[in-house]
Amino acid sequence: MLRLEGKVQSVITRDPRTDKEGKTHDGYSQVQLLVEELLDNDQVRYGIQTMTTARPDDFRKLEGQTVAVPVRVYVKGGSIAFTMPAASAPQVVNQRTGASAG
């Protein structure tokens, strides 16, 4: 399993809803991480990675901190996307050494 590191930017909660056809959709929570992508020319490109999480409160406590989470990678609409296993908890990363603190 891969590990994704990023700074917790926000946690979004979507309430359950019913669409026009009367179909009910469950609510869910997502976390947004600010991630760094190292380019071939050694420059860094920053981006937001949004993932569904079953543990929104764990991420809310860590807003503004850099964390690492185990992820699976898949392709969505021609782009790379990530998903976290439901039981995955974020680990705070020591920004000086890159080591997980916990």
C-alpha atoms as a PDB file:
ATOM      1  CA  MET A   1       0.000   0.000   0.000  1.00  0.00           C
ATOM      2  CA  LEU A   2       1.211   3.501  -0.801  1.00  0.00           C
ATOM      3  CA  ARG A   3       1.409   6.413   1.627  1.00  0.00           C
ATOM      4  CA  LEU A   4       0.186   9.912   0.794  1.00  0.00           C
ATOM      5  CA  GLU A   5       1.469  12.927   2.718  1.00  0.00           C
ATOM      6  CA  GLY A   6      -0.150  16.333   2.785  1.00  0.00           C
ATOM      7  CA  LYS A   7      -1.226  19.249   4.945  1.00  0.00           C
ATOM      8  CA  VAL A   8      -4.827  18.923   6.159  1.00  0.00           C
ATOM      9  CA  GLN A   9      -6.696  21.886   4.641  1.00  0.00           C
ATOM     10  CA  SER A  10     -10.333  21.115   5.440  1.00  0.00           C
ATOM     11  CA  VAL A  11     -12.922  18.459   6.170  1.00  0.00           C
ATOM     12  CA  ILE A  12     -16.200  18.581   4.260  1.00  0.00           C
ATOM     13  CA  THR A  13     -19.393  16.829   5.394  1.00  0.00           C
ATOM     14  CA  ARG A  14     -22.183  16.111   2.912  1.00  0.00           C
ATOM     15  CA  ASP A  15     -25.627  15.445   4.387  1.00  0.00           C
ATOM     16  CA  PRO A  16     -27.822  12.587   3.091  1.00  0.00           C
ATOM     17  CA  ARG A  17     -30.066  13.741   0.248  1.00  0.00           C
ATOM     18  CA  THR A  18     -32.885  12.613  -2.010  1.00  0.00           C
ATOM     19  CA  ASP A  19     -32.646  13.333  -5.741  1.00  0.00           C
ATOM     20  CA  LYS A  20     -35.429  14.338  -8.153  1.00  0.00           C
ATOM     21  CA  GLU A  21     -36.278  10.689  -8.842  1.00  0.00           C
ATOM     22  CA  GLY A  22     -36.741  10.001  -5.118  1.00  0.00           C
ATOM     23  CA  LYS A  23     -33.517   7.998  -4.754  1.00  0.00           C
ATOM     24  CA  THR A  24     -31.805   8.471  -1.380  1.00  0.00           C
ATOM     25  CA  HIS A  25     -28.041   9.058  -1.266  1.00  0.00           C
ATOM     26  CA  ASP A  26     -26.053   8.545   1.946  1.00  0.00           C
ATOM     27  CA  GLY A  27     -24.102  11.368   3.508  1.00  0.00           C
ATOM     28  CA  TYR A  28     -20.309  11.250   3.556  1.00  0.00           C
ATOM     29  CA  SER A  29     -17.229  13.180   4.652  1.00  0.00           C
ATOM     30  CA  GLN A  30     -14.186  14.188   2.647  1.00  0.00           C
ATOM     31  CA  VAL A  31     -10.760  15.479   3.640  1.00  0.00           C
ATOM     32  CA  GLN A  32      -8.709  17.871   1.522  1.00  0.00           C
ATOM     33  CA  LEU A  33      -4.920  17.600   1.669  1.00  0.00           C
ATOM     34  CA  LEU A  34      -2.450  20.094   0.200  1.00  0.00           C
ATOM     35  CA  VAL A  35       0.120  17.846  -1.489  1.00  0.00           C
ATOM     36  CA  GLU A  36       3.478  18.462  -3.162  1.00  0.00           C
ATOM     37  CA  GLU A  37       4.312  16.855  -6.503  1.00  0.00           C
ATOM     38  CA  LEU A  38       7.987  16.801  -7.442  1.00  0.00           C
ATOM     39  CA  LEU A  39       8.362  17.522 -11.163  1.00  0.00           C
ATOM     40  CA  ASP A  40      11.068  16.160 -13.479  1.00  0.00           C
ATOM     41  CA  ASN A  41      12.940  19.486 -13.353  1.00  0.00           C
ATOM     42  CA  ASP A  42      13.047  19.367  -9.514  1.00  0.00           C
ATOM     43  CA  GLN A  43      10.373  22.057  -9.158  1.00  0.00           C
ATOM     44  CA  VAL A  44       7.400  21.463  -6.874  1.00  0.00           C
ATOM     45  CA  ARG A  45       3.770  21.725  -7.959  1.00  0.00           C
ATOM     46  CA  TYR A  46       1.155  22.049  -5.201  1.00  0.00           C
ATOM     47  CA  GLY A  47      -2.340  20.625  -5.480  1.00  0.00           C
ATOM     48  CA  ILE A  48      -5.383  19.675  -3.442  1.00  0.00           C
ATOM     49  CA  GLN A  49      -6.223  15.992  -3.107  1.00  0.00           C
ATOM     50  CA  THR A  50      -9.792  15.336  -1.947  1.00  0.00           C
ATOM     51  CA  MET A  51     -10.643  11.889  -0.551  1.00  0.00           C
ATOM     52  CA  THR A  52     -13.640  10.359   1.180  1.00  0.00           C
ATOM     53  CA  THR A  53     -12.962   9.452   4.806  1.00  0.00           C
ATOM     54  CA  ALA A  54     -14.802   7.396   7.395  1.00  0.00           C
ATOM     55  CA  ARG A  55     -12.863   9.261  10.137  1.00  0.00           C
ATOM     56  CA  PRO A  56     -13.586  12.978   9.651  1.00  0.00           C
ATOM     57  CA  ASP A  57     -13.084  13.855  13.336  1.00  0.00           C
ATOM     58  CA  ASP A  58      -9.530  12.448  13.240  1.00  0.00           C
ATOM     59  CA  PHE A  59      -8.691  14.847  10.393  1.00  0.00           C
ATOM     60  CA  ARG A  60     -10.526  17.846  11.917  1.00  0.00           C
ATOM     61  CA  LYS A  61      -8.253  17.616  14.971  1.00  0.00           C
ATOM     62  CA  LEU A  62      -5.232  17.841  12.659  1.00  0.00           C
ATOM     63  CA  GLU A  63      -6.231  20.761  10.398  1.00  0.00           C
ATOM     64  CA  GLY A  64      -3.120  22.714   9.442  1.00  0.00           C
ATOM     65  CA  GLN A  65      -0.763  19.812  10.198  1.00  0.00           C
ATOM     66  CA  THR A  66       1.063  17.541   7.765  1.00  0.00           C
ATOM     67  CA  VAL A  67      -0.162  13.951   7.919  1.00  0.00           C
ATOM     68  CA  ALA A  68       0.450  10.630   6.193  1.00  0.00           C
ATOM     69  CA  VAL A  69      -2.264   8.098   5.322  1.00  0.00           C
ATOM     70  CA  PRO A  70      -2.134   4.740   3.537  1.00  0.00           C
ATOM     71  CA  VAL A  71      -3.897   4.926   0.165  1.00  0.00           C
ATOM     72  CA  ARG A  72      -4.883   2.882  -2.862  1.00  0.00           C
ATOM     73  CA  VAL A  73      -4.467   4.407  -6.322  1.00  0.00           C
ATOM     74  CA  TYR A  74      -6.990   4.240  -9.163  1.00  0.00           C
ATOM     75  CA  VAL A  75      -7.814   6.099 -12.374  1.00  0.00           C
ATOM     76  CA  LYS A  76     -10.866   8.376 -12.418  1.00  0.00           C
ATOM     77  CA  GLY A  77     -11.739  10.238 -15.615  1.00  0.00           C
ATOM     78  CA  GLY A  78      -8.192   9.928 -16.963  1.00  0.00           C
ATOM     79  CA  SER A  79      -6.592  11.248 -13.745  1.00  0.00           C
ATOM     80  CA  ILE A  80      -4.943   9.485 -10.839  1.00  0.00           C
ATOM     81  CA  ALA A  81      -7.073   9.440  -7.688  1.00  0.00           C
ATOM     82  CA  PHE A  82      -6.609   8.037  -4.195  1.00  0.00           C
ATOM     83  CA  THR A  83      -8.814   6.242  -1.705  1.00  0.00           C
ATOM     84  CA  MET A  84      -8.132   5.446   1.946  1.00  0.00           C
ATOM     85  CA  PRO A  85      -9.077   2.166   3.590  1.00  0.00           C
ATOM     86  CA  ALA A  86     -12.009   2.818   5.973  1.00  0.00           C
ATOM     87  CA  ALA A  87      -9.984   1.992   9.083  1.00  0.00           C
ATOM     88  CA  SER A  88      -7.046   4.243   8.108  1.00  0.00           C
ATOM     89  CA  ALA A  89      -6.131   6.930  10.602  1.00  0.00           C
ATOM     90  CA  PRO A  90      -3.890   9.881   9.774  1.00  0.00           C
ATOM     91  CA  GLN A  91      -0.437  10.037  11.343  1.00  0.00           C
ATOM     92  CA  VAL A  92       1.216  13.392  12.008  1.00  0.00           C
ATOM     93  CA  VAL A  93       4.467  13.759  10.068  1.00  0.00           C
ATOM     94  CA  ASN A  94       7.514  15.501  11.531  1.00  0.00           C
ATOM     95  CA  GLN A  95       8.163  18.069   8.815  1.00  0.00           C
ATOM     96  CA  ARG A  96      11.899  18.251   9.465  1.00  0.00           C
ATOM     97  CA  THR A  97      12.596  14.553   9.078  1.00  0.00           C
ATOM     98  CA  GLY A  98       9.528  13.247   7.243  1.00  0.00           C
ATOM     99  CA  ALA A  99       9.104  10.613   9.970  1.00  0.00           C
ATOM    100  CA  SER A 100       5.689   9.707  11.323  1.00  0.00           C
ATOM    101  CA  ALA A 101       5.136  10.831  14.892  1.00  0.00           C
ATOM    102  CA  GLY A 102       3.047   8.102  16.407  1.00  0.00           C
END
